[in-house]
C-alpha cells in the first residue's frame, strides 16, 4: 500500500463538497482514501490514528462508491471496475444516463455486497 497525502474533493452523502488533505492513492478514475469521518476526527484532535477503513471515490464526480474494511478489498473492487468507459463521465447525470448504466450498476452492487462495509 502506498497512500500519500493528497488534497481531494469528496461529495458527502448529504451532497456537500469537502476538500481534504489525507492519505490517498489514485487509480484513475477512482481514488482510495481514508474515511472522511476519521479525517475530520483527526483534524479536531479526537483521534490520533486512522483505522483500517478505506473509501473508494470517483475522482470526476467526487461521489463515494463505498467504504471497505481494508485497503485490499477497496483495491480489488477498483481493479475490477476502473477500466469501464462509463466511469469517464464527469457528472452523476451523465453516469446515470450512460447506456451501460444498468449493467455497471448491477456489477458494482454485487461487488459492494461482497466486499464493502456499507
Protein backbone atom coordinates (compact mmCIF):
# COMPACT_ATOMS: atom_id res chain seq x y z
CA UNK A 1 0.00 0.00 0.00
CA UNK A 2 1.39 3.39 -0.94
CA UNK A 3 -1.01 6.02 0.30
CA UNK A 4 0.43 9.54 0.14
CA UNK A 5 -1.04 12.78 1.48
CA UNK A 6 -3.15 14.36 -1.24
CA UNK A 7 -5.82 17.01 -1.37
CA UNK A 8 -9.05 15.65 -2.80
CA UNK A 9 -12.64 16.84 -3.08
CA UNK A 10 -15.27 14.45 -1.79
CA UNK A 11 -19.03 14.76 -2.05
CA UNK A 12 -20.63 13.71 1.23
CA UNK A 13 -23.80 11.63 1.37
CA UNK A 14 -25.63 14.88 2.09
CA UNK A 15 -24.35 16.34 -1.21
CA UNK A 16 -21.83 18.72 0.39
CA UNK A 17 -18.40 19.03 -1.29
CA UNK A 18 -15.48 18.84 1.11
CA UNK A 19 -11.80 19.31 0.28
CA UNK A 20 -9.46 17.33 2.49
CA UNK A 21 -5.76 16.52 2.60
CA UNK A 22 -5.43 12.91 3.66
CA UNK A 23 -3.66 9.66 2.77
CA UNK A 24 -4.86 8.52 -0.67
CA UNK A 25 -3.86 6.63 -3.80
CA UNK A 26 -5.05 7.28 -7.38
CA UNK A 27 -6.35 4.58 -9.70
CA UNK A 28 -7.91 6.81 -12.33
CA UNK A 29 -10.84 7.42 -12.45
CA UNK A 30 -11.01 6.43 -8.77
CA UNK A 31 -9.09 7.24 -5.61
CA UNK A 32 -8.74 5.09 -2.49
CA UNK A 33 -8.53 7.18 0.66
CA UNK A 34 -9.08 7.14 4.38
CA UNK A 35 -12.58 7.65 5.74
CA UNK A 36 -13.78 11.27 5.84
CA UNK A 37 -15.23 10.94 9.35
CA UNK A 38 -11.86 9.73 10.63
CA UNK A 39 -10.08 12.58 8.83
CA UNK A 40 -12.40 15.12 10.50
CA UNK A 41 -11.85 13.46 13.90
CA UNK A 42 -8.07 13.68 13.41
CA UNK A 43 -8.33 17.33 12.42
CA UNK A 44 -10.36 18.03 15.58
CA UNK A 45 -7.83 16.18 17.76
CA UNK A 46 -10.34 13.46 18.68
CA UNK A 47 -8.33 10.69 17.00
CA UNK A 48 -4.61 10.05 16.65
CA UNK A 49 -4.60 7.21 14.10
CA UNK A 50 -6.69 6.02 11.19
CA UNK A 51 -8.43 2.64 11.37
CA UNK A 52 -8.13 0.12 8.53
CA UNK A 53 -11.23 1.55 6.79
CA UNK A 54 -10.72 2.79 3.23
CA UNK A 55 -13.13 4.55 0.90
CA UNK A 56 -13.32 4.45 -2.90
CA UNK A 57 -14.34 7.75 -4.50
CA UNK A 58 -14.99 8.56 -8.15
CA UNK A 59 -12.50 11.34 -8.95
CA UNK A 60 -14.57 13.08 -11.62
CA UNK A 61 -17.76 13.49 -9.58
CA UNK A 62 -16.38 13.26 -6.04
CA UNK A 63 -19.04 10.65 -5.30
CA UNK A 64 -18.12 7.99 -2.78
CA UNK A 65 -18.60 4.48 -4.13
CA UNK A 66 -18.30 2.57 -0.85
CA UNK A 67 -16.42 2.12 2.42
CA UNK A 68 -14.31 -1.02 2.83
CA UNK A 69 -12.95 -2.66 5.97
CA UNK A 70 -9.44 -2.71 4.48
CA UNK A 71 -7.28 -1.46 1.61
CA UNK A 72 -7.13 -4.89 -0.04
CA UNK A 73 -10.90 -5.05 -0.60
CA UNK A 74 -11.03 -1.45 -1.83
CA UNK A 75 -8.24 -2.14 -4.33
CA UNK A 76 -9.87 -5.37 -5.52
CA UNK A 77 -13.10 -3.53 -6.37
CA UNK A 78 -11.31 -0.63 -8.06
CA UNK A 79 -9.30 -3.00 -10.24
CA UNK A 80 -12.49 -4.77 -11.36
CA UNK A 81 -14.29 -1.57 -12.46
CA UNK A 82 -11.73 1.14 -13.25
CA UNK A 83 -11.48 0.38 -16.98
CA UNK A 84 -15.19 0.66 -17.69
CA UNK A 85 -15.77 3.63 -20.04
CA UNK A 86 -18.86 4.72 -18.10
CA UNK A 87 -16.59 5.95 -15.29
CA UNK A 88 -15.07 8.58 -17.59
CA UNK A 89 -18.34 10.51 -17.33
CA UNK A 90 -17.72 13.76 -15.39
CA UNK A 91 -21.16 14.15 -13.77
CA UNK A 92 -23.71 11.98 -11.97
CA UNK A 93 -26.27 12.89 -14.64
CA UNK A 94 -24.04 11.58 -17.44
CA UNK A 95 -23.18 8.45 -15.46
CA UNK A 96 -26.81 7.56 -14.82
CA UNK A 97 -27.87 8.24 -18.42
CA UNK A 98 -24.99 6.25 -19.94
CA UNK A 99 -26.10 3.18 -22.00
CA UNK A 100 -24.02 0.90 -19.73
CA UNK A 101 -25.55 2.26 -16.50
CA UNK A 102 -27.85 -0.65 -15.71
CA UNK A 103 -25.25 -3.37 -16.29
CA UNK A 104 -22.49 -1.45 -14.48
CA UNK A 105 -24.78 -0.61 -11.58
CA UNK A 106 -25.52 -4.32 -11.16
CA UNK A 107 -21.82 -5.23 -11.25
CA UNK A 108 -20.92 -2.51 -8.74
CA UNK A 109 -23.83 -3.50 -6.50
CA UNK A 110 -22.70 -7.12 -6.46
CA UNK A 111 -19.11 -6.10 -5.63
CA UNK A 112 -20.29 -3.80 -2.86
CA UNK A 113 -22.46 -6.55 -1.39
CA UNK A 114 -19.45 -8.90 -1.30
CA UNK A 115 -16.67 -6.54 -0.19
CA UNK A 116 -17.99 -3.23 1.19
CA UNK A 117 -18.99 -2.27 4.71
CA UNK A 118 -21.96 -0.12 3.67
